[in-house]
Amino acid sequence: MLRRSLLAAAALLAARPLFSPGAFAQPADAATRAQLLPTGRLRVGIGVGPAASAFWAMRQPDGTARGVTVALAQEAASRLGVPLDLLLLNSSGEVVEAGATATPAWDLSFMPVDAERVARLDFGPDYYLSTSTYLAPAGSPLASVEQANTPGIRLWGVANTTTIRASQRTAPRATITAAASLDQVMAAIARGEVDGVALGRESLDSLLPRLPGARILDGHFHALGTAIVVPRNRPLSHAWATAFIETAKADGTVRRALDAMGITGPVAPAGSRTAGA
């Protein structure tokens, strides 16, 4: 499935950039380019789903994607002065798998930080700080984050994500289903099989208008940073990515990308790194 996703996604190029090309040039020397751009193009792994967040992009009717990570990818390619290829994948788990092989399918990506990913990829600084909580669909008995850890409560999330792992740790007595994609979670809600959806708060805010009668629970069961990331053992790539994201935070690029998707949460402070990254 991942191979088919990669082959299909490799043909999709970035849509019109959100920012002016070359507005903040950030060149790289020949050695850095050789490591960061092994194909001569910037290949960026992007998670896509039906809800927007600092990680999730949304697939458009024409097959392209729109979101914070797409805008940051476009800006990175613009500053390097190279073509951009977006690899559109269905979960953060798929993005990790595509970048953690002996021959990574992407050169740069963005994702929430957790210990399992840090062991397989090289993370740079955070660009966004977020919390995760539950959405209770209409008719759900779930009234609080604490109540999620109750036998018989049916929690759903996306497989191989930081959020579902945190939900499994903090609500071990619930029945937790890890779906292959957010679309599958939405289908389960429609069938009346879900008491709570575990996602980042900004993703839940995006979903709420589509689910009449649903509620987002106060508080959170997990807090984390979302960061720029490169494949392992590419120190020059890592250095460029670190400089890029810190500059993008300072010059307003990250804030504009978040605002364009209606995400009001905070840009991470300069030098912010999630523990373990």
Protein backbone atom coordinates (compact mmCIF):
# COMPACT_ATOMS: atom_id res chain seq x y z
CA MET A 1 0.00 0.00 0.00
CA LEU A 2 2.78 2.42 0.90
CA ARG A 3 4.55 1.68 -2.38
CA ARG A 4 1.37 2.41 -4.33
CA SER A 5 0.87 5.63 -2.36
CA LEU A 6 4.41 6.74 -3.11
CA LEU A 7 4.17 5.96 -6.80
CA ALA A 8 0.90 7.87 -7.09
CA ALA A 9 2.07 10.77 -4.96
CA ALA A 10 5.40 11.18 -6.73
CA ALA A 11 3.56 12.53 -9.76
CA LEU A 12 1.92 15.30 -7.74
CA LEU A 13 3.75 18.63 -7.70
CA ALA A 14 3.20 21.59 -5.39
CA ALA A 15 0.37 24.00 -6.03
CA ARG A 16 0.86 27.77 -6.30
CA PRO A 17 3.18 28.94 -3.49
CA LEU A 18 1.70 30.91 -0.59
CA PHE A 19 4.77 33.18 -0.46
CA SER A 20 6.72 35.14 -3.04
CA PRO A 21 9.48 32.97 -4.56
CA GLY A 22 12.94 34.01 -3.47
CA ALA A 23 11.66 36.53 -0.92
CA PHE A 24 14.14 35.22 1.65
CA ALA A 25 16.85 33.36 -0.24
CA GLN A 26 18.65 30.75 1.84
CA PRO A 27 21.36 29.22 -0.34
CA ALA A 28 23.22 26.00 0.37
CA ASP A 29 26.78 25.14 -0.61
CA ALA A 30 27.61 22.31 -2.99
CA ALA A 31 28.20 19.74 -0.24
CA THR A 32 24.89 20.58 1.45
CA ARG A 33 23.02 20.40 -1.85
CA ALA A 34 24.51 16.99 -2.62
CA GLN A 35 23.19 15.65 0.68
CA LEU A 36 19.90 17.54 0.86
CA LEU A 37 18.95 17.22 -2.82
CA PRO A 38 20.22 13.84 -4.08
CA THR A 39 17.83 13.97 -7.06
CA GLY A 40 18.35 17.68 -7.75
CA ARG A 41 14.80 18.34 -6.53
CA LEU A 42 13.45 18.87 -3.02
CA ARG A 43 11.27 15.88 -2.11
CA VAL A 44 9.06 16.57 0.90
CA GLY A 45 6.94 13.99 2.76
CA ILE A 46 3.46 15.35 3.54
CA GLY A 47 0.71 13.75 5.64
CA VAL A 48 -2.75 14.35 4.14
CA GLY A 49 -6.19 13.93 5.66
CA PRO A 50 -9.62 15.55 5.92
CA ALA A 51 -8.60 17.90 8.75
CA ALA A 52 -6.01 20.68 8.71
CA SER A 53 -3.33 21.00 11.38
CA ALA A 54 0.31 21.98 11.77
CA PHE A 55 1.05 18.47 10.40
CA TRP A 56 -1.97 17.48 8.31
CA ALA A 57 -2.47 18.95 4.86
CA MET A 58 -5.80 18.62 3.05
CA ARG A 59 -6.13 17.02 -0.36
CA GLN A 60 -7.75 19.29 -2.95
CA PRO A 61 -10.20 18.23 -5.69
CA ASP A 62 -7.43 18.39 -8.30
CA GLY A 63 -5.27 15.91 -6.36
CA THR A 64 -2.83 18.46 -4.93
CA ALA A 65 -2.67 19.35 -1.24
CA ARG A 66 -3.03 22.54 0.77
CA GLY A 67 -1.77 23.09 4.29
CA VAL A 68 0.91 24.40 6.63
CA THR A 69 3.47 21.78 5.64
CA VAL A 70 2.80 22.33 1.93
CA ALA A 71 3.40 26.07 2.35
CA LEU A 72 6.63 25.41 4.28
CA ALA A 73 7.77 22.91 1.64
CA GLN A 74 7.10 25.45 -1.12
CA GLU A 75 9.06 28.08 0.77
CA ALA A 76 12.00 25.72 1.37
CA ALA A 77 12.19 24.84 -2.34
CA SER A 78 11.92 28.53 -3.26
CA ARG A 79 14.80 29.48 -0.96
CA LEU A 80 16.91 26.69 -2.44
CA GLY A 81 15.89 27.60 -5.99
CA VAL A 82 14.95 24.01 -6.93
CA PRO A 83 11.79 22.21 -8.11
CA LEU A 84 9.55 20.69 -5.43
CA ASP A 85 8.03 17.21 -5.32
CA LEU A 86 5.43 16.43 -2.65
CA LEU A 87 4.96 12.83 -1.53
CA LEU A 88 1.40 12.75 -0.20
CA LEU A 89 0.87 10.02 2.38
CA ASN A 90 -2.07 9.02 4.56
CA SER A 91 -0.55 9.20 8.05
CA SER A 92 2.49 10.29 10.00
CA GLY A 93 3.36 6.59 10.27
CA GLU A 94 3.57 6.33 6.49
CA VAL A 95 5.69 9.48 6.35
CA VAL A 96 8.09 7.97 8.90
CA GLU A 97 8.34 4.68 6.99
CA ALA A 98 9.04 6.49 3.71
CA GLY A 99 11.90 8.45 5.27
CA ALA A 100 13.45 5.81 7.52
CA THR A 101 14.62 3.39 4.81
CA ALA A 102 18.11 2.86 3.43
CA THR A 103 17.05 4.97 0.42
CA PRO A 104 14.63 7.56 1.81
CA ALA A 105 11.77 8.61 -0.46
CA TRP A 106 11.86 12.18 0.86
CA ASP A 107 14.59 14.68 1.76
CA LEU A 108 12.68 16.88 4.20
CA SER A 109 9.49 16.58 6.21
CA PHE A 110 7.54 17.96 9.16
CA MET A 111 5.86 15.97 11.94
CA PRO A 112 5.03 15.78 15.65
CA VAL A 113 7.96 14.62 17.76
CA ASP A 114 7.93 11.41 19.79
CA ALA A 115 10.54 8.97 21.06
CA GLU A 116 9.84 6.28 18.46
CA ARG A 117 10.37 8.73 15.60
CA VAL A 118 13.45 10.28 17.16
CA ALA A 119 15.04 6.82 17.11
CA ARG A 120 14.55 6.62 13.33
CA LEU A 121 14.80 10.19 12.00
CA ASP A 122 16.76 13.37 12.79
CA PHE A 123 14.55 16.15 14.14
CA GLY A 124 15.30 19.84 14.04
CA PRO A 125 13.57 22.60 16.03
CA ASP A 126 9.84 22.74 16.70
CA TYR A 127 7.82 25.20 14.63
CA TYR A 128 4.48 24.65 16.41
CA LEU A 129 3.36 23.67 19.90
CA SER A 130 0.11 21.75 20.23
CA THR A 131 -2.08 19.69 22.55
CA SER A 132 -4.20 16.61 21.89
CA THR A 133 -7.68 15.94 23.29
CA TYR A 134 -10.86 14.09 22.32
CA LEU A 135 -13.82 14.96 20.15
CA ALA A 136 -17.06 13.37 21.37
CA PRO A 137 -19.54 12.82 18.50
CA ALA A 138 -23.26 13.49 18.99
CA GLY A 139 -24.70 10.95 21.43
CA SER A 140 -21.33 10.03 22.95
CA PRO A 141 -21.29 9.53 26.75
CA LEU A 142 -17.73 10.89 26.93
CA ALA A 143 -17.74 14.10 28.98
CA SER A 144 -14.11 14.59 30.04
CA VAL A 145 -10.58 13.61 29.12
CA GLU A 146 -10.32 11.69 32.40
CA GLN A 147 -13.46 9.65 31.62
CA ALA A 148 -11.76 8.33 28.47
CA ASN A 149 -9.90 5.82 30.64
CA THR A 150 -13.09 3.83 31.29
CA PRO A 151 -13.98 0.27 30.21
CA GLY A 152 -16.46 0.34 27.36
CA ILE A 153 -15.46 3.78 26.04
CA ARG A 154 -14.63 3.44 22.33
CA LEU A 155 -11.75 5.68 21.29
CA TRP A 156 -10.48 6.03 17.73
CA GLY A 157 -7.38 7.62 16.25
CA VAL A 158 -4.94 7.23 13.37
CA ALA A 159 -2.46 4.35 13.52
CA ASN A 160 1.24 4.99 14.11
CA THR A 161 0.72 8.56 15.30
CA THR A 162 2.00 10.27 18.42
CA THR A 163 -1.58 11.01 19.42
CA ILE A 164 -2.87 7.44 19.32
CA ARG A 165 0.17 6.22 21.26
CA ALA A 166 -0.46 8.88 23.93
CA SER A 167 -4.11 7.88 24.08
CA GLN A 168 -3.14 4.23 24.54
CA ARG A 169 -0.83 5.21 27.42
CA THR A 170 -3.29 7.48 29.19
CA ALA A 171 -6.51 5.51 28.61
CA PRO A 172 -5.45 1.84 28.84
CA ARG A 173 -8.88 0.68 30.06
CA ALA A 174 -10.73 2.06 27.04
CA THR A 175 -11.23 0.19 23.77
CA ILE A 176 -8.90 1.94 21.32
CA THR A 177 -9.01 1.45 17.55
CA ALA A 178 -6.10 2.67 15.40
CA ALA A 179 -7.47 3.37 11.91
CA ALA A 180 -5.32 3.50 8.80
CA SER A 181 -6.50 7.03 8.01
CA LEU A 182 -8.67 9.84 9.34
CA ASP A 183 -11.18 9.09 6.60
CA GLN A 184 -11.73 5.69 8.22
CA VAL A 185 -12.32 7.38 11.57
CA MET A 186 -14.93 9.64 9.98
CA ALA A 187 -16.65 6.59 8.46
CA ALA A 188 -16.73 4.91 11.88
CA ILE A 189 -18.33 8.03 13.38
CA ALA A 190 -21.02 7.88 10.71
CA ARG A 191 -21.70 4.26 11.71
CA GLY A 192 -22.09 5.24 15.38
CA GLU A 193 -19.01 3.26 16.49
CA VAL A 194 -17.03 6.09 18.13
CA ASP A 195 -17.26 7.68 21.58
CA GLY A 196 -14.11 9.77 21.24
CA VAL A 197 -11.67 10.79 18.51
CA ALA A 198 -8.07 11.34 19.62
CA LEU A 199 -6.41 14.12 17.60
CA GLY A 200 -4.50 17.36 17.91
CA ARG A 201 -6.73 20.24 18.98
CA GLU A 202 -6.35 22.14 15.70
CA SER A 203 -7.40 19.06 13.71
CA LEU A 204 -10.47 18.66 15.92
CA ASP A 205 -11.34 22.34 15.44
CA SER A 206 -11.25 21.70 11.68
CA LEU A 207 -13.50 18.62 11.96
CA LEU A 208 -16.08 20.08 14.34
CA PRO A 209 -18.18 21.99 11.75
CA ARG A 210 -18.68 18.73 9.84
CA LEU A 211 -20.07 16.86 12.85
CA PRO A 212 -23.31 18.41 14.14
CA GLY A 213 -23.75 17.87 17.86
CA ALA A 214 -20.10 16.96 18.45
CA ARG A 215 -18.08 18.44 21.32
CA ILE A 216 -14.35 18.98 21.85
CA LEU A 217 -13.39 18.13 25.42
CA ASP A 218 -11.61 20.68 27.60
CA GLY A 219 -8.06 19.96 28.69
CA HIS A 220 -5.68 17.55 26.99
CA PHE A 221 -4.05 14.15 27.37
CA HIS A 222 -0.87 14.99 25.48
CA ALA A 223 1.24 18.04 24.58
CA LEU A 224 4.01 18.10 22.00
CA GLY A 225 5.95 20.05 19.42
CA THR A 226 5.74 19.65 15.64
CA ALA A 227 9.16 19.96 14.03
CA ILE A 228 11.14 19.88 10.82
CA VAL A 229 12.85 16.54 10.17
CA VAL A 230 15.35 14.90 7.80
CA PRO A 231 16.47 11.28 7.28
CA ARG A 232 19.15 9.95 9.61
CA ASN A 233 22.87 10.54 9.06
CA ARG A 234 22.51 13.67 6.93
CA PRO A 235 24.18 16.31 9.13
CA LEU A 236 24.43 18.93 6.39
CA SER A 237 20.75 18.51 5.57
CA HIS A 238 19.95 18.78 9.26
CA ALA A 239 21.93 21.99 9.61
CA TRP A 240 20.18 23.57 6.60
CA ALA A 241 16.75 22.46 7.84
CA THR A 242 17.46 23.89 11.29
CA ALA A 243 18.52 27.25 9.86
CA PHE A 244 15.54 27.30 7.50
CA ILE A 245 12.86 26.67 10.13
CA GLU A 246 14.38 29.11 12.62
CA THR A 247 14.47 31.79 9.93
CA ALA A 248 10.92 30.93 8.85
CA LYS A 249 9.72 31.40 12.43
CA ALA A 250 11.54 34.70 12.81
CA ASP A 251 10.47 36.26 9.49
CA GLY A 252 6.77 35.36 9.85
CA THR A 253 6.66 32.55 7.29
CA VAL A 254 5.39 29.97 9.80
CA ARG A 255 2.81 32.36 11.24
CA ARG A 256 1.45 33.15 7.77
CA ALA A 257 1.23 29.44 6.92
CA LEU A 258 -0.74 28.76 10.10
CA ASP A 259 -3.01 31.77 9.59
CA ALA A 260 -3.78 30.68 6.01
CA MET A 261 -5.26 27.44 7.41
CA GLY A 262 -7.10 29.14 10.28
CA ILE A 263 -4.77 27.70 12.93
CA THR A 264 -4.45 30.15 15.81
CA GLY A 265 -2.11 28.17 18.07
CA PRO A 266 1.41 29.35 18.90
CA VAL A 267 4.50 29.36 16.73
CA ALA A 268 7.21 27.64 18.76
CA PRO A 269 9.80 29.99 20.31
CA ALA A 270 13.26 30.27 18.80
CA GLY A 271 15.35 27.22 19.64
CA SER A 272 12.35 25.21 20.88
CA ARG A 273 12.95 21.47 20.86
CA THR A 274 10.65 18.79 22.21
CA ALA A 275 12.37 16.64 24.84
CA GLY A 276 14.29 13.81 23.20
CA ALA A 277 14.60 15.45 19.78
